[in-house]
Amino acid sequence: MPAEELIQSLAGNLQRKGYSQIAGPSPNSFAMFKQATGLGVPKLVAVLANTDGPSVNFPRVESWFKKTMGRSGAGLLLLALSNPPQSYLSEALGQGRGTLGYGQVVCGVFDLSGSTYYLPKGDYDTYHMGWDQELFA
């Protein structure tokens, strides 16, 4: 799947869930934001499709996430590339920190060659956000 097709699919899914497209953290990115409603938290999703490693990409955009979503939001950086090696996946899923509702930003990967996604699991706050349902359902 080309990155453009992934972005088009995500845009449709997120728009149906109340997200609005905003300017991303770099010229080669895509981002959508959803304001907090009720007891929810503001949510921010950004997609980068490049060959830089997670330890380069994540720090590059982390301050943009914090500035855009504020201290009470939750954010996900989704790195899109073809055939990421296991070391890339492990590195990406280890990026990020924070507590849900207090500026949590995490990192995931979308494998363009297999249309497979990898998102952080196991941490209650991350799992509770339901990023897989938010993005792909």
Protein backbone atom coordinates (compact mmCIF):
# COMPACT_ATOMS: atom_id res chain seq x y z
CA MET A 1 0.00 0.00 0.00
CA PRO A 2 1.46 3.39 -0.90
CA ALA A 3 1.79 5.92 1.92
CA GLU A 4 -0.72 8.19 0.17
CA GLU A 5 -3.34 5.42 0.30
CA LEU A 6 -2.70 4.87 4.01
CA ILE A 7 -3.08 8.59 4.69
CA GLN A 8 -6.29 8.77 2.66
CA SER A 9 -7.75 5.83 4.60
CA LEU A 10 -6.72 7.27 7.97
CA ALA A 11 -8.12 10.69 7.04
CA GLY A 12 -11.51 9.15 6.29
CA ASN A 13 -11.58 7.06 9.48
CA LEU A 14 -10.46 9.90 11.72
CA GLN A 15 -12.74 12.49 10.13
CA ARG A 16 -15.74 10.25 10.86
CA LYS A 17 -14.64 10.27 14.51
CA GLY A 18 -14.51 14.05 14.80
CA TYR A 19 -10.87 14.75 13.88
CA SER A 20 -9.82 17.72 11.77
CA GLN A 21 -6.76 17.85 9.56
CA ILE A 22 -4.08 20.27 10.72
CA ALA A 23 -0.59 21.21 9.58
CA GLY A 24 1.82 18.45 10.52
CA PRO A 25 5.16 18.73 12.29
CA SER A 26 7.12 18.68 9.02
CA PRO A 27 6.43 19.18 5.32
CA ASN A 28 6.40 15.40 4.79
CA SER A 29 3.78 14.58 7.37
CA PHE A 30 0.05 14.23 7.89
CA ALA A 31 -1.76 15.16 11.11
CA MET A 32 -5.28 15.24 12.54
CA PHE A 33 -6.53 16.60 15.85
CA LYS A 34 -9.69 16.01 17.89
CA GLN A 35 -10.75 18.44 20.60
CA ALA A 36 -11.73 17.02 23.98
CA THR A 37 -15.42 16.32 24.40
CA GLY A 38 -17.17 15.43 27.63
CA LEU A 39 -14.69 13.63 29.84
CA GLY A 40 -12.40 12.81 26.92
CA VAL A 41 -8.94 14.17 26.23
CA PRO A 42 -7.70 15.97 23.12
CA LYS A 43 -6.18 13.48 20.69
CA LEU A 44 -3.51 14.09 18.08
CA VAL A 45 -2.31 11.69 15.37
CA ALA A 46 0.61 12.31 13.01
CA VAL A 47 1.98 10.07 10.26
CA LEU A 48 5.54 10.27 8.94
CA ALA A 49 6.67 8.28 5.91
CA ASN A 50 10.45 8.42 5.69
CA THR A 51 13.43 6.16 6.27
CA ASP A 52 14.77 7.88 9.40
CA GLY A 53 14.83 5.72 12.51
CA PRO A 54 12.37 6.08 15.38
CA SER A 55 15.05 7.59 17.63
CA VAL A 56 15.45 10.37 15.05
CA ASN A 57 11.77 10.86 14.11
CA PHE A 58 10.24 10.81 17.57
CA PRO A 59 12.41 13.49 19.22
CA ARG A 60 12.03 15.60 16.07
CA VAL A 61 8.25 15.85 16.55
CA GLU A 62 7.73 15.37 20.29
CA SER A 63 7.76 19.09 21.12
CA TRP A 64 5.28 19.75 18.29
CA PHE A 65 2.93 17.15 19.83
CA LYS A 66 3.20 18.72 23.28
CA LYS A 67 2.64 22.24 21.95
CA THR A 68 -0.30 21.22 19.76
CA MET A 69 -2.24 18.98 22.14
CA GLY A 70 -1.34 20.67 25.41
CA ARG A 71 -0.55 18.98 28.70
CA SER A 72 -3.86 17.15 28.94
CA GLY A 73 -3.89 15.33 25.61
CA ALA A 74 -2.83 12.04 24.08
CA GLY A 75 -0.82 11.68 20.89
CA LEU A 76 0.34 8.98 18.52
CA LEU A 77 3.16 9.23 16.00
CA LEU A 78 2.68 6.54 13.33
CA LEU A 79 5.80 5.80 11.28
CA ALA A 80 4.99 4.36 7.85
CA LEU A 81 7.51 2.36 5.83
CA SER A 82 7.86 -0.93 3.95
CA ASN A 83 9.27 -4.06 5.56
CA PRO A 84 10.54 -2.55 8.82
CA PRO A 85 13.04 -4.86 10.54
CA GLN A 86 12.23 -6.17 14.02
CA SER A 87 14.83 -3.84 15.52
CA TYR A 88 12.98 -0.84 14.01
CA LEU A 89 9.67 -2.06 15.44
CA SER A 90 11.16 -2.57 18.90
CA GLU A 91 12.81 0.83 18.84
CA ALA A 92 9.60 2.56 17.70
CA LEU A 93 7.36 0.88 20.26
CA GLY A 94 9.77 1.91 23.00
CA GLN A 95 9.48 5.60 22.17
CA GLY A 96 7.21 7.89 24.14
CA ARG A 97 6.04 8.37 27.64
CA GLY A 98 3.51 10.16 29.75
CA THR A 99 0.29 9.27 31.47
CA LEU A 100 -3.06 9.24 29.72
CA GLY A 101 -4.58 12.69 29.90
CA TYR A 102 -1.29 14.25 30.97
CA GLY A 103 0.54 14.66 27.71
CA GLN A 104 1.03 11.04 26.69
CA VAL A 105 2.73 10.65 23.31
CA VAL A 106 3.54 7.18 21.96
CA CYS A 107 4.90 5.76 18.73
CA GLY A 108 3.67 3.03 16.38
CA VAL A 109 4.58 1.61 12.98
CA PHE A 110 2.57 0.84 9.85
CA ASP A 111 4.19 -1.65 7.47
CA LEU A 112 3.18 -0.45 4.01
CA SER A 113 4.22 -3.72 2.36
CA GLY A 114 1.91 -5.88 4.44
CA SER A 115 -0.72 -3.35 5.56
CA THR A 116 0.07 -4.34 9.14
CA TYR A 117 0.26 -2.01 12.10
CA TYR A 118 2.21 -2.24 15.34
CA LEU A 119 1.07 -0.17 18.31
CA PRO A 120 2.23 -0.14 21.92
CA LYS A 121 0.35 -2.71 24.01
CA GLY A 122 0.50 -3.79 27.59
CA ASP A 123 0.67 -0.39 29.23
CA TYR A 124 -2.83 0.31 30.56
CA ASP A 125 -2.83 3.96 29.58
CA THR A 126 -1.74 3.23 26.02
CA TYR A 127 -4.13 0.32 25.57
CA HIS A 128 -6.98 2.31 27.10
CA MET A 129 -6.61 4.95 24.38
CA GLY A 130 -7.71 2.35 21.83
CA TRP A 131 -5.48 3.74 19.09
CA ASP A 132 -6.10 0.68 16.88
CA GLN A 133 -9.86 1.28 16.96
CA GLU A 134 -9.37 5.02 16.61
CA LEU A 135 -7.25 4.65 13.46
CA PHE A 136 -8.36 1.52 11.67
CA ALA A 137 -11.97 0.73 12.62
